[in-house]
Amino acid sequence: MITENQPIHHHLSERLLEQHIITEDQLKIALTEQKKNSEQLDKILIQLGFVSEAVIRDLTSQSLGVSRIDLSQWVVDEEALRFIPKNLASRYTLLPISFDKNTQTLSVAMADVFNVLAMDQLVARLGETIKIEPVIAGEAEIVNAIDNCYGFALSIDGILHEIETGEIDYQSLNRDEYSQPLIRLVDALLSDAVKHGASDIHFEPEKSFLRIRYRIDGVLQQIRSLHKNYWSAIVVRLKVMSDLNIADSRIPQDGRMSLTLAGRPIDFRVSVQPTVYGENIVLRVLDSQKGILTLDELGLLEDNLMALKRMIARPEGLILITGPTGSGKTTTLYSLLQHLNSEEVNIMTLEDPVEYILGQVRQTAVNEAVKLDFANGIRSILRQDPDIILVGEIRDRETAEMAFSAAMTGHQVYSTLHTNSAIATIPRLLDIGILADIMAENIIGVIGQRLVRKLCPACKKAYLPDEKQQKLLDLSTKVYCSVGCEQCGERGYKGRVALMEIFRLDDTLQDMIAHRTATSEIKKYAKSLGFRTIAEDGIRRVLEGTTSLEEISRVVEV
């Protein structure tokens, strides 16, 4: 990023204004912040959420006439990596990406093309014979690529060896700064989990050892086992980082912490639970860069996507998302809010807890200590002139009644509910105590969903299902199964995708619900309109080669 060329900075801000990427007010706010801490203007604009790193990268490259690249789409040349060691790349946030033997030119991706010190170091190392061609890339992309290309920057084994022997492992030192090895060990474990795409980190004390497990793509995997001697110090470190009481080990505690890992801010939700062998700690990884998808990225069929867009276009009413814990309901909710988020509407949320921060959205966390629950929170929000309200979860009759009350008074309301399917929402709400006619008049639609693992594209294998499977699932073509390779960590799966059913109410369905028609009849009529169940969406995913029969059988009844 730009540091020493103020005319470029001035030109950059002019370009941002000309293209209506930022407003005059936003620029003034950024300049005020710059006076406080003397940071680069582009970095401040990114931190404030006014622009993305990609926008700054593109505009800077245009202004300077320097090439820019998206490292996530780039395959780095292994020969180029040999010219620059990992510690130098980490210190100056740069990455050699290609080497041209004919012209003896080394292309180097840099976050800061004006970093004179970095260029001097490169020239001193490479000599006069090799030319350096800087290209612009995002800082977070470079940091992440350094980890992937050179191997993990913090050596967990090296740190453990250092603790046991006292011999300093310089490979595990971050940017040549020394800190206590146990502090680096905790940082290394958290960084390793983020690098592997874990959604949760489990620290589980047993009688004589500590088990560490990551939840990757919805499945827990044991990563390491450490001696119990490490645990007391790791507990203290995790509690200090998340502002928890280190003196009390007898009560459950909840906290939160934020770190910058892989070049981007990552939040962790921390839960401590006393057990027979000590305090069990689980960290939920909240990576906003991965957590919010666009509607198109949800992977819906065209007719389902159109039905969803028609649902959210309604000015008032209730939209519910159903599914068990860990089925991606929050991700879908945030995707819907992000789609609706604009200066023309006032969106307010009530969550337990707030997982991802959305710009322009007024987000509130429920707080039992001050008696701010979902029902009381909705009452308060209704006095704040909202257009759209998100209620994290409908758990009881009072919350349900307040959500329907908000929908009846001209608001668009979103919430989640724990049911087995979208249509099962009807008997569930009746059981809570919501009147059938009120439900029928105010529910716009229901989204039911599950998450399944995606087959690794590098190693998935085609096969023909046996006769029984073909008859049961109405299959007649080859499908794919998991194998396992280096790219997927021998798991056979890499990433997850949502299976969805969209239950949109029309006038007939409203009448059926109001008259308490049997759920089976409601489902039969909905299917006549094109309604597809989660299981049917799962079969569609199997046929297109996204996942396997075994995987959808794990999460839905087929």
Protein backbone atom coordinates (compact mmCIF):
# COMPACT_ATOMS: atom_id res chain seq x y z
CA MET A 1 0.00 0.00 0.00
CA ILE A 2 1.07 3.58 -0.53
CA THR A 3 3.18 5.23 2.12
CA GLU A 4 5.50 7.88 0.78
CA ASN A 5 3.81 9.34 -2.27
CA GLN A 6 1.23 11.87 -1.09
CA PRO A 7 0.19 13.00 -4.61
CA ILE A 8 -0.84 9.39 -5.29
CA HIS A 9 -2.83 9.41 -2.07
CA HIS A 10 -4.54 12.63 -3.12
CA HIS A 11 -5.22 11.20 -6.57
CA LEU A 12 -6.58 7.98 -5.03
CA SER A 13 -9.08 9.85 -2.85
CA GLU A 14 -10.16 11.91 -5.89
CA ARG A 15 -10.75 8.74 -7.90
CA LEU A 16 -12.80 7.22 -5.05
CA LEU A 17 -14.97 10.33 -4.93
CA GLU A 18 -15.33 10.61 -8.72
CA GLN A 19 -16.51 7.03 -9.00
CA HIS A 20 -18.92 7.48 -6.05
CA ILE A 21 -17.21 4.68 -4.12
CA ILE A 22 -16.99 6.90 -1.05
CA THR A 23 -18.73 10.14 -0.06
CA GLU A 24 -17.22 13.46 1.03
CA ASP A 25 -18.32 12.73 4.59
CA GLN A 26 -16.60 9.35 4.58
CA LEU A 27 -13.38 10.92 3.29
CA LYS A 28 -13.50 13.55 6.05
CA ILE A 29 -13.95 10.83 8.67
CA ALA A 30 -10.95 8.93 7.26
CA LEU A 31 -8.79 12.07 7.22
CA THR A 32 -9.74 12.81 10.84
CA GLU A 33 -8.70 9.28 11.81
CA GLN A 34 -5.46 9.71 9.87
CA LYS A 35 -4.54 12.76 11.97
CA LYS A 36 -4.95 10.67 15.14
CA ASN A 37 -2.67 7.77 14.20
CA SER A 38 -0.79 8.87 11.03
CA GLU A 39 -1.74 5.66 9.23
CA GLN A 40 -2.06 5.35 5.47
CA LEU A 41 -5.31 6.73 4.10
CA ASP A 42 -6.11 3.60 2.08
CA LYS A 43 -5.67 1.38 5.15
CA ILE A 44 -7.95 3.62 7.21
CA LEU A 45 -10.66 3.53 4.52
CA ILE A 46 -10.49 -0.29 4.54
CA GLN A 47 -10.57 -0.48 8.37
CA LEU A 48 -13.62 1.80 8.49
CA GLY A 49 -15.39 -0.46 6.02
CA PHE A 50 -15.85 2.30 3.42
CA VAL A 51 -14.01 0.38 0.67
CA SER A 52 -12.67 -3.13 0.14
CA GLU A 53 -9.03 -4.02 -0.25
CA ALA A 54 -9.72 -5.18 -3.82
CA VAL A 55 -11.06 -1.73 -4.80
CA ILE A 56 -7.97 0.01 -3.40
CA ARG A 57 -5.71 -2.49 -5.14
CA ASP A 58 -7.39 -1.91 -8.52
CA LEU A 59 -7.40 1.90 -8.28
CA THR A 60 -3.78 2.02 -7.08
CA SER A 61 -2.61 -0.15 -9.97
CA GLN A 62 -4.48 2.09 -12.44
CA SER A 63 -2.94 5.24 -10.94
CA LEU A 64 0.62 3.88 -10.98
CA GLY A 65 0.47 1.87 -14.16
CA VAL A 66 1.60 -1.17 -12.15
CA SER A 67 0.07 -4.58 -12.79
CA ARG A 68 -2.26 -5.96 -10.15
CA ILE A 69 -3.16 -9.59 -9.52
CA ASP A 70 -5.64 -11.64 -7.53
CA LEU A 71 -3.41 -14.09 -5.66
CA SER A 72 -6.32 -16.40 -4.88
CA GLN A 73 -6.48 -17.16 -8.63
CA TRP A 74 -2.70 -17.33 -9.12
CA VAL A 75 -0.45 -20.41 -9.15
CA VAL A 76 2.90 -19.37 -7.65
CA ASP A 77 6.09 -20.51 -9.42
CA GLU A 78 8.10 -22.79 -7.09
CA GLU A 79 11.36 -21.63 -8.69
CA ALA A 80 10.54 -18.01 -7.81
CA LEU A 81 10.09 -18.94 -4.14
CA ARG A 82 13.75 -20.05 -3.93
CA PHE A 83 14.97 -16.47 -4.46
CA ILE A 84 13.35 -15.01 -1.34
CA PRO A 85 13.27 -16.77 2.07
CA LYS A 86 10.07 -16.99 4.09
CA ASN A 87 11.23 -14.68 6.91
CA LEU A 88 12.00 -11.87 4.41
CA ALA A 89 8.66 -12.36 2.64
CA SER A 90 6.80 -12.22 5.97
CA ARG A 91 8.69 -9.18 7.26
CA TYR A 92 7.87 -7.00 4.23
CA THR A 93 4.58 -8.64 3.16
CA LEU A 94 5.71 -9.67 -0.31
CA LEU A 95 5.74 -12.86 -2.35
CA PRO A 96 7.81 -13.90 -5.39
CA ILE A 97 5.30 -15.27 -7.90
CA SER A 98 7.18 -15.95 -11.15
CA PHE A 99 10.67 -15.89 -12.69
CA ASP A 100 11.42 -15.25 -16.37
CA LYS A 101 14.72 -16.95 -17.24
CA ASN A 102 15.06 -15.16 -20.59
CA THR A 103 14.92 -11.65 -19.13
CA GLN A 104 16.12 -12.65 -15.62
CA THR A 105 13.07 -10.89 -14.14
CA LEU A 106 11.52 -11.83 -10.82
CA SER A 107 7.89 -10.75 -10.40
CA VAL A 108 7.13 -9.92 -6.76
CA ALA A 109 3.61 -9.35 -5.39
CA MET A 110 3.73 -6.49 -2.87
CA ALA A 111 1.14 -4.80 -0.69
CA ASP A 112 3.31 -1.66 -0.57
CA VAL A 113 5.10 -0.91 -3.84
CA PHE A 114 6.67 2.22 -2.32
CA ASN A 115 8.42 0.38 0.50
CA VAL A 116 11.99 1.52 -0.22
CA LEU A 117 13.46 -0.61 2.58
CA ALA A 118 11.88 -3.76 1.16
CA MET A 119 13.21 -3.01 -2.34
CA ASP A 120 16.72 -2.36 -0.94
CA GLN A 121 16.64 -5.71 0.85
CA LEU A 122 15.57 -7.48 -2.33
CA VAL A 123 18.30 -5.81 -4.41
CA ALA A 124 20.92 -6.64 -1.76
CA ARG A 125 19.86 -10.29 -1.79
CA LEU A 126 19.33 -10.79 -5.53
CA GLY A 127 22.16 -8.61 -6.84
CA GLU A 128 22.24 -6.45 -9.94
CA THR A 129 21.73 -9.25 -12.47
CA ILE A 130 18.12 -10.04 -11.53
CA LYS A 131 15.48 -7.41 -12.29
CA ILE A 132 12.58 -6.97 -9.86
CA GLU A 133 9.11 -6.35 -11.27
CA PRO A 134 6.67 -5.36 -8.50
CA VAL A 135 2.97 -6.13 -8.90
CA ILE A 136 0.20 -5.06 -6.53
CA ALA A 137 -1.76 -7.59 -4.48
CA GLY A 138 -3.91 -7.35 -1.35
CA GLU A 139 -2.11 -7.54 1.99
CA ALA A 140 -4.42 -10.28 3.34
CA GLU A 141 -3.97 -12.29 0.12
CA ILE A 142 -0.16 -12.10 0.40
CA VAL A 143 -0.07 -13.13 4.07
CA ASN A 144 -2.35 -16.07 3.34
CA ALA A 145 -0.31 -17.08 0.28
CA ILE A 146 2.96 -16.95 2.26
CA ASP A 147 1.52 -19.52 4.69
CA ASN A 148 0.31 -21.76 1.84
CA CYS A 149 3.41 -21.47 -0.36
CA TYR A 150 6.20 -21.69 2.20
CA GLY A 151 4.38 -23.97 4.60
CA PHE A 152 2.85 -22.92 7.91
CA ALA A 153 4.69 -19.87 9.29
CA LEU A 154 4.48 -20.92 12.94
CA SER A 155 5.98 -24.35 13.59
CA ILE A 156 3.96 -26.02 16.36
CA ASP A 157 6.49 -28.85 16.64
CA GLY A 158 9.33 -26.34 16.82
CA ILE A 159 7.64 -24.43 19.64
CA LEU A 160 6.95 -27.64 21.58
CA HIS A 161 10.61 -28.63 21.14
CA GLU A 162 11.65 -25.20 22.42
CA ILE A 163 9.45 -25.54 25.52
CA GLU A 164 10.89 -28.98 26.27
CA THR A 165 14.58 -28.25 25.57
CA GLY A 166 14.95 -24.49 25.88
CA GLU A 167 16.43 -24.29 22.36
CA ILE A 168 14.87 -21.35 20.47
CA ASP A 169 13.07 -22.30 17.27
CA TYR A 170 13.67 -19.27 15.07
CA GLN A 171 11.33 -20.57 12.34
CA SER A 172 8.41 -20.08 14.72
CA LEU A 173 9.22 -16.45 15.49
CA ASN A 174 6.84 -14.01 13.84
CA ARG A 175 8.64 -11.15 12.06
CA ASP A 176 11.77 -11.82 14.14
CA GLU A 177 10.06 -10.82 17.38
CA TYR A 178 10.58 -13.08 20.40
CA SER A 179 7.74 -13.80 22.79
CA GLN A 180 7.13 -16.56 25.32
CA PRO A 181 6.95 -19.92 23.53
CA LEU A 182 3.64 -20.80 25.18
CA ILE A 183 2.07 -17.59 23.86
CA ARG A 184 3.36 -18.49 20.40
CA LEU A 185 2.04 -22.05 20.83
CA VAL A 186 -1.53 -20.79 21.40
CA ASP A 187 -1.20 -18.34 18.47
CA ALA A 188 0.13 -21.18 16.30
CA LEU A 189 -2.78 -23.48 17.15
CA LEU A 190 -5.35 -20.76 16.40
CA SER A 191 -3.60 -19.85 13.13
CA ASP A 192 -3.38 -23.51 12.14
CA ALA A 193 -7.12 -23.95 12.73
CA VAL A 194 -7.96 -20.91 10.57
CA LYS A 195 -5.57 -22.11 7.86
CA HIS A 196 -7.34 -25.49 7.74
CA GLY A 197 -10.77 -23.84 7.53
CA ALA A 198 -11.97 -25.02 10.95
CA SER A 199 -15.28 -23.66 12.25
CA ASP A 200 -14.61 -24.74 15.85
CA ILE A 201 -11.53 -25.56 17.96
CA HIS A 202 -11.93 -27.99 20.87
CA PHE A 203 -9.43 -28.13 23.75
CA GLU A 204 -10.46 -31.25 25.68
CA PRO A 205 -8.54 -32.28 28.84
CA GLU A 206 -8.41 -36.00 29.63
CA LYS A 207 -6.87 -37.71 32.68
CA SER A 208 -3.26 -37.55 31.45
CA PHE A 209 -3.33 -35.66 28.15
CA LEU A 210 -4.94 -32.79 26.25
CA ARG A 211 -6.88 -33.58 23.08
CA ILE A 212 -7.14 -30.86 20.40
CA ARG A 213 -9.81 -31.27 17.73
CA TYR A 214 -10.94 -29.07 14.84
CA ARG A 215 -14.41 -29.15 13.30
CA ILE A 216 -13.74 -29.01 9.57
CA ASP A 217 -16.67 -29.09 7.15
CA GLY A 218 -18.99 -30.04 10.00
CA VAL A 219 -16.99 -33.07 11.17
CA LEU A 220 -14.67 -33.17 14.22
CA GLN A 221 -11.11 -34.35 13.60
CA GLN A 222 -8.39 -34.93 16.17
CA ILE A 223 -5.38 -32.82 15.30
CA ARG A 224 -2.95 -33.22 18.20
CA SER A 225 -2.54 -34.71 21.66
CA LEU A 226 -0.38 -32.79 24.16
CA HIS A 227 0.81 -33.71 27.63
CA LYS A 228 -1.50 -32.51 30.41
CA ASN A 229 1.37 -30.33 31.73
CA TYR A 230 0.67 -27.79 28.97
CA TRP A 231 -3.01 -27.36 29.77
CA SER A 232 -2.99 -25.04 32.81
CA ALA A 233 -0.85 -22.46 30.99
CA ILE A 234 -2.92 -22.75 27.77
CA VAL A 235 -6.14 -22.20 29.78
CA VAL A 236 -4.71 -19.04 31.37
CA ARG A 237 -3.56 -17.72 27.98
CA LEU A 238 -6.94 -18.34 26.31
CA LYS A 239 -8.82 -16.77 29.25
CA VAL A 240 -6.58 -13.68 29.28
CA MET A 241 -7.07 -13.23 25.51
CA SER A 242 -10.86 -13.43 25.88
CA ASP A 243 -11.16 -11.34 29.09
CA LEU A 244 -12.38 -14.19 31.28
CA ASN A 245 -11.83 -14.78 35.00
CA ILE A 246 -8.62 -16.81 35.33
CA ALA A 247 -9.12 -17.34 39.08
CA ASP A 248 -12.44 -19.19 38.84
CA SER A 249 -12.39 -22.65 37.29
CA ARG A 250 -15.69 -23.92 38.77
CA ILE A 251 -18.26 -22.03 36.68
CA PRO A 252 -19.02 -21.92 32.91
CA GLN A 253 -17.77 -18.74 31.23
CA ASP A 254 -18.31 -17.15 27.82
CA GLY A 255 -16.08 -14.61 26.13
CA ARG A 256 -14.86 -13.27 22.82
CA MET A 257 -11.55 -12.27 21.27
CA SER A 258 -10.28 -10.84 17.99
CA LEU A 259 -6.97 -11.60 16.29
CA THR A 260 -5.41 -10.83 12.92
CA LEU A 261 -4.57 -14.16 11.33
CA ALA A 262 -3.68 -14.93 7.72
CA GLY A 263 -3.73 -11.17 7.11
CA ARG A 264 -7.37 -10.62 8.08
CA PRO A 265 -9.28 -10.04 11.34
CA ILE A 266 -10.79 -13.22 12.82
CA ASP A 267 -13.18 -13.27 15.79
CA PHE A 268 -13.41 -16.19 18.20
CA ARG A 269 -16.35 -16.93 20.48
CA VAL A 270 -14.98 -18.67 23.57
CA SER A 271 -16.90 -21.08 25.81
CA VAL A 272 -15.38 -22.56 28.99
CA GLN A 273 -17.07 -25.53 30.70
CA PRO A 274 -15.77 -27.18 33.91
CA THR A 275 -15.42 -30.97 33.53
CA VAL A 276 -14.06 -33.88 35.60
CA TYR A 277 -10.51 -33.46 34.25
CA GLY A 278 -10.41 -29.66 34.08
CA GLU A 279 -11.89 -26.85 32.04
CA ASN A 280 -13.03 -27.78 28.55
CA ILE A 281 -12.67 -24.87 26.09
CA VAL A 282 -14.38 -24.57 22.69
CA LEU A 283 -13.68 -21.68 20.33
CA ARG A 284 -16.09 -20.87 17.50
CA VAL A 285 -14.17 -19.33 14.59
CA LEU A 286 -16.03 -16.35 13.11
CA ASP A 287 -14.41 -15.46 9.80
CA SER A 288 -16.52 -12.72 8.20
CA GLN A 289 -14.62 -13.10 4.92
CA LYS A 290 -16.05 -16.62 4.59
CA GLY A 291 -19.25 -16.19 6.55
CA ILE A 292 -21.28 -13.92 4.24
CA LEU A 293 -22.24 -15.16 0.79
CA THR A 294 -24.26 -13.47 -1.94
CA LEU A 295 -27.62 -15.00 -2.86
CA ASP A 296 -26.11 -16.32 -6.10
CA GLU A 297 -23.34 -18.07 -4.14
CA LEU A 298 -25.88 -20.10 -2.15
CA GLY A 299 -26.10 -22.45 -5.14
CA LEU A 300 -29.90 -22.52 -5.47
CA LEU A 301 -31.72 -23.79 -8.55
CA GLU A 302 -33.03 -20.98 -10.73
CA ASP A 303 -36.69 -21.44 -9.74
CA ASN A 304 -35.81 -21.64 -6.03
CA LEU A 305 -33.66 -18.52 -6.33
CA MET A 306 -36.52 -16.65 -8.01
CA ALA A 307 -38.95 -17.83 -5.29
CA LEU A 308 -36.53 -16.61 -2.61
CA LYS A 309 -36.13 -13.21 -4.29
CA ARG A 310 -39.92 -12.86 -4.57
CA MET A 311 -40.22 -13.67 -0.85
CA ILE A 312 -37.75 -11.01 0.26
CA ALA A 313 -39.31 -8.46 -2.11
CA ARG A 314 -42.50 -8.45 0.02
CA PRO A 315 -42.59 -5.25 2.14
CA GLU A 316 -44.00 -6.89 5.28
CA GLY A 317 -44.37 -10.34 6.77
CA LEU A 318 -42.27 -13.07 8.38
CA ILE A 319 -39.59 -15.21 6.71
CA LEU A 320 -38.28 -18.15 8.74
CA ILE A 321 -35.18 -20.27 8.29
CA THR A 322 -35.30 -23.73 9.84
CA GLY A 323 -32.85 -26.52 10.49
CA PRO A 324 -30.78 -28.07 13.28
CA THR A 325 -27.80 -26.41 14.99
CA GLY A 326 -24.89 -26.02 12.58
CA SER A 327 -27.00 -26.14 9.41
CA GLY A 328 -25.93 -22.69 8.19
CA LYS A 329 -29.08 -20.77 9.16
CA THR A 330 -27.09 -17.72 10.34
CA THR A 331 -25.04 -17.62 7.12
CA THR A 332 -28.24 -17.62 5.05
CA LEU A 333 -29.78 -14.89 7.23
CA TYR A 334 -26.73 -12.66 6.81
CA SER A 335 -26.75 -13.28 3.05
CA LEU A 336 -30.37 -12.11 2.88
CA LEU A 337 -29.65 -9.01 4.98
CA GLN A 338 -26.57 -8.18 2.90
CA HIS A 339 -28.74 -8.39 -0.25
CA LEU A 340 -31.32 -6.01 1.28
CA ASN A 341 -28.82 -3.67 2.95
CA SER A 342 -28.89 -0.15 1.52
CA GLU A 343 -29.19 3.47 2.63
CA GLU A 344 -32.93 3.42 1.91
CA VAL A 345 -33.82 0.93 4.65
CA ASN A 346 -33.24 0.71 8.40
CA ILE A 347 -32.23 -2.85 9.32
CA MET A 348 -32.07 -3.76 13.01
CA THR A 349 -31.07 -7.10 14.50
CA LEU A 350 -31.34 -8.85 17.84
CA GLU A 351 -28.86 -11.73 18.06
CA ASP A 352 -27.40 -14.17 20.56
CA PRO A 353 -24.58 -13.35 20.02
CA VAL A 354 -23.72 -10.98 17.15
CA GLU A 355 -21.51 -13.16 14.93
CA TYR A 356 -20.60 -10.91 11.98
CA ILE A 357 -20.63 -7.13 11.80
CA LEU A 358 -22.59 -5.68 8.86
CA GLY A 359 -22.11 -2.07 7.79
CA GLN A 360 -25.18 0.19 8.18
CA VAL A 361 -27.04 -2.53 10.11
CA ARG A 362 -27.91 -1.75 13.75
CA GLN A 363 -26.97 -4.95 15.59
CA THR A 364 -27.79 -5.73 19.24
CA ALA A 365 -26.81 -8.74 21.33
CA VAL A 366 -29.33 -10.14 23.82
CA ASN A 367 -28.11 -9.76 27.39
CA GLU A 368 -29.67 -11.73 30.22
CA ALA A 369 -27.76 -9.70 32.83
CA VAL A 370 -29.79 -6.57 31.99
CA LYS A 371 -32.96 -8.55 31.14
CA LEU A 372 -32.68 -7.84 27.42
CA ASP A 373 -34.15 -11.00 25.90
CA PHE A 374 -35.61 -11.47 22.41
CA ALA A 375 -39.16 -10.43 23.38
CA ASN A 376 -38.09 -7.25 25.24
CA GLY A 377 -35.56 -6.48 22.52
CA ILE A 378 -38.24 -6.56 19.79
CA ARG A 379 -40.39 -4.15 21.82
CA SER A 380 -37.46 -1.74 22.02
CA ILE A 381 -36.50 -2.13 18.34
CA LEU A 382 -40.05 -1.29 17.21
CA ARG A 383 -39.55 2.19 18.68
CA GLN A 384 -36.45 2.72 16.49
CA ASP A 385 -38.34 3.12 13.19
CA PRO A 386 -37.09 -0.12 11.57
CA ASP A 387 -37.98 -1.40 8.11
CA ILE A 388 -36.43 -4.84 8.49
CA ILE A 389 -35.99 -6.74 11.76
CA LEU A 390 -33.85 -9.82 12.36
CA VAL A 391 -34.68 -11.87 15.45
CA GLY A 392 -31.90 -14.40 16.04
CA GLU A 393 -34.18 -17.25 17.11
CA ILE A 394 -37.80 -17.91 18.05
CA ARG A 395 -37.54 -19.98 21.23
CA ASP A 396 -40.82 -19.42 23.06
CA ARG A 397 -44.38 -18.15 22.71
CA GLU A 398 -43.61 -14.58 23.83
CA THR A 399 -40.83 -14.13 21.25
CA ALA A 400 -43.01 -15.69 18.54
CA GLU A 401 -45.93 -13.38 19.37
CA MET A 402 -43.67 -10.30 19.28
CA ALA A 403 -42.19 -11.39 15.92
CA PHE A 404 -45.68 -11.84 14.43
CA SER A 405 -46.78 -8.54 15.96
CA ALA A 406 -43.90 -6.77 14.21
CA ALA A 407 -44.82 -8.48 10.91
CA MET A 408 -48.48 -7.43 11.33
CA THR A 409 -47.54 -3.78 11.82
CA GLY A 410 -45.81 -3.38 8.46
CA HIS A 411 -42.31 -4.70 9.09
CA GLN A 412 -40.31 -7.37 7.30
CA VAL A 413 -39.14 -9.85 9.95
CA TYR A 414 -36.53 -12.61 9.65
CA SER A 415 -35.87 -15.32 12.22
CA THR A 416 -34.82 -18.94 12.74
CA LEU A 417 -36.65 -21.91 14.21
CA HIS A 418 -35.54 -25.44 15.07
CA THR A 419 -37.66 -27.88 13.02
CA ASN A 420 -36.94 -30.90 10.82
CA SER A 421 -38.33 -29.35 7.63
CA ALA A 422 -39.81 -26.14 6.25
CA ILE A 423 -43.40 -27.46 6.33
CA ALA A 424 -42.92 -28.77 9.90
CA THR A 425 -42.76 -25.07 10.90
CA ILE A 426 -46.59 -24.96 10.80
CA PRO A 427 -47.27 -27.55 13.55
CA ARG A 428 -44.28 -26.24 15.54
CA LEU A 429 -45.72 -22.70 15.68
CA LEU A 430 -49.17 -24.07 16.50
CA ASP A 431 -47.56 -26.00 19.36
CA ILE A 432 -45.87 -22.81 20.63
CA GLY A 433 -49.29 -21.12 20.73
CA ILE A 434 -49.56 -19.01 17.55
CA LEU A 435 -53.09 -18.89 16.12
CA ALA A 436 -53.50 -20.57 12.73
CA ASP A 437 -55.13 -17.58 10.99
CA ILE A 438 -52.46 -15.14 12.27
CA MET A 439 -49.76 -17.53 11.05
CA ALA A 440 -51.37 -17.92 7.63
CA GLU A 441 -51.75 -14.18 7.07
CA ASN A 442 -48.22 -13.18 8.09
CA ILE A 443 -45.76 -15.90 7.04
CA ILE A 444 -44.28 -15.06 3.63
CA GLY A 445 -42.30 -18.28 3.38
CA VAL A 446 -39.98 -20.74 5.09
CA ILE A 447 -36.48 -21.90 4.10
CA GLY A 448 -35.39 -25.32 5.34
CA GLN A 449 -31.74 -26.25 5.04
CA ARG A 450 -28.87 -28.61 5.87
CA LEU A 451 -25.15 -28.46 5.14
CA VAL A 452 -23.34 -31.30 3.37
CA ARG A 453 -19.67 -31.69 2.54
CA LYS A 454 -18.56 -31.22 -1.07
CA LEU A 455 -16.51 -33.93 -2.76
CA CYS A 456 -12.88 -32.99 -3.36
CA PRO A 457 -12.70 -32.17 -7.09
CA ALA A 458 -9.13 -33.48 -7.29
CA CYS A 459 -9.83 -37.06 -6.18
CA LYS A 460 -13.57 -37.83 -6.41
CA LYS A 461 -14.27 -41.08 -8.23
CA ALA A 462 -17.19 -41.99 -10.50
CA TYR A 463 -19.08 -45.26 -10.04
CA LEU A 464 -22.43 -46.82 -10.98
CA PRO A 465 -24.78 -47.31 -7.99
CA ASP A 466 -26.07 -50.84 -7.40
CA GLU A 467 -29.53 -51.88 -8.58
CA LYS A 468 -31.14 -51.29 -5.17
CA GLN A 469 -29.80 -47.73 -4.94
CA GLN A 470 -30.84 -46.98 -8.52
CA LYS A 471 -34.40 -48.13 -7.85
CA LEU A 472 -34.65 -46.40 -4.46
CA LEU A 473 -33.30 -43.06 -5.63
CA ASP A 474 -34.46 -43.21 -9.26
CA LEU A 475 -30.87 -43.05 -10.52
CA SER A 476 -29.63 -44.41 -13.82
CA THR A 477 -26.32 -42.60 -14.30
CA LYS A 478 -22.90 -42.66 -12.69
CA VAL A 479 -22.39 -40.72 -9.48
CA TYR A 480 -19.28 -39.89 -7.45
CA CYS A 481 -17.82 -41.09 -4.15
CA SER A 482 -15.05 -39.80 -1.89
CA VAL A 483 -11.47 -41.09 -2.15
CA GLY A 484 -9.00 -38.83 -0.33
CA CYS A 485 -5.82 -37.10 -1.46
CA GLU A 486 -3.22 -34.59 -0.28
CA GLN A 487 -5.30 -31.59 -1.36
CA CYS A 488 -8.24 -32.54 0.91
CA GLY A 489 -6.13 -33.94 3.77
CA GLU A 490 -7.13 -37.51 2.81
CA ARG A 491 -10.73 -36.76 3.80
CA GLY A 492 -12.28 -36.98 0.33
CA TYR A 493 -14.28 -33.82 0.96
CA LYS A 494 -13.40 -30.13 0.78
CA GLY A 495 -15.84 -27.36 1.72
CA ARG A 496 -19.59 -27.49 2.27
CA VAL A 497 -22.74 -26.59 0.38
CA ALA A 498 -26.31 -25.97 1.55
CA LEU A 499 -29.23 -28.22 0.65
CA MET A 500 -32.37 -26.07 0.66
CA GLU A 501 -36.13 -26.28 0.34
CA ILE A 502 -38.12 -23.09 -0.30
CA PHE A 503 -41.71 -23.19 1.00
CA ARG A 504 -43.44 -20.07 -0.33
CA LEU A 505 -47.06 -19.47 0.68
CA ASP A 506 -49.75 -18.60 -1.86
CA ASP A 507 -53.45 -17.87 -1.18
CA THR A 508 -54.43 -21.56 -1.23
CA LEU A 509 -51.69 -22.52 1.21
CA GLN A 510 -52.73 -19.66 3.50
CA ASP A 511 -56.31 -21.01 3.50
CA MET A 512 -55.08 -24.54 4.21
CA ILE A 513 -52.98 -23.36 7.16
CA ALA A 514 -55.82 -21.17 8.53
CA HIS A 515 -58.15 -24.20 8.44
CA ARG A 516 -55.49 -26.44 10.07
CA THR A 517 -55.24 -28.79 7.09
CA ALA A 518 -53.05 -31.86 7.70
CA THR A 519 -49.34 -31.32 7.04
CA SER A 520 -49.32 -34.18 4.52
CA GLU A 521 -52.00 -32.41 2.43
CA ILE A 522 -50.10 -29.10 2.61
CA LYS A 523 -46.94 -30.88 1.43
CA LYS A 524 -48.83 -32.62 -1.41
CA TYR A 525 -50.24 -29.30 -2.68
CA ALA A 526 -46.87 -27.53 -2.31
CA LYS A 527 -45.19 -30.25 -4.40
CA SER A 528 -47.81 -29.73 -7.12
CA LEU A 529 -46.54 -26.13 -7.31
CA GLY A 530 -42.91 -27.30 -7.74
CA PHE A 531 -41.81 -27.51 -4.09
CA ARG A 532 -38.66 -29.65 -3.73
CA THR A 533 -37.69 -31.22 -0.41
CA ILE A 534 -34.19 -31.09 1.07
CA ALA A 535 -33.75 -34.78 0.16
CA GLU A 536 -34.64 -34.05 -3.49
CA ASP A 537 -32.17 -31.15 -3.51
CA GLY A 538 -29.60 -33.57 -2.10
CA ILE A 539 -30.16 -36.03 -4.94
CA ARG A 540 -29.76 -33.14 -7.38
CA ARG A 541 -26.38 -32.36 -5.78
CA VAL A 542 -25.36 -36.02 -6.08
CA LEU A 543 -26.30 -36.16 -9.78
CA GLU A 544 -24.30 -33.03 -10.57
CA GLY A 545 -21.26 -34.53 -8.78
CA THR A 546 -21.10 -32.01 -5.92
CA THR A 547 -21.50 -34.52 -3.09
CA SER A 548 -21.97 -38.24 -2.47
CA LEU A 549 -24.90 -40.51 -1.60
CA GLU A 550 -23.21 -41.38 1.71
CA GLU A 551 -22.92 -37.71 2.63
CA ILE A 552 -26.55 -36.74 1.99
CA SER A 553 -27.65 -39.92 3.82
CA ARG A 554 -25.71 -38.61 6.82
CA VAL A 555 -27.81 -35.42 7.10
CA VAL A 556 -31.21 -36.19 5.54
CA GLU A 557 -33.44 -39.23 5.15
CA VAL A 558 -33.37 -40.29 1.50
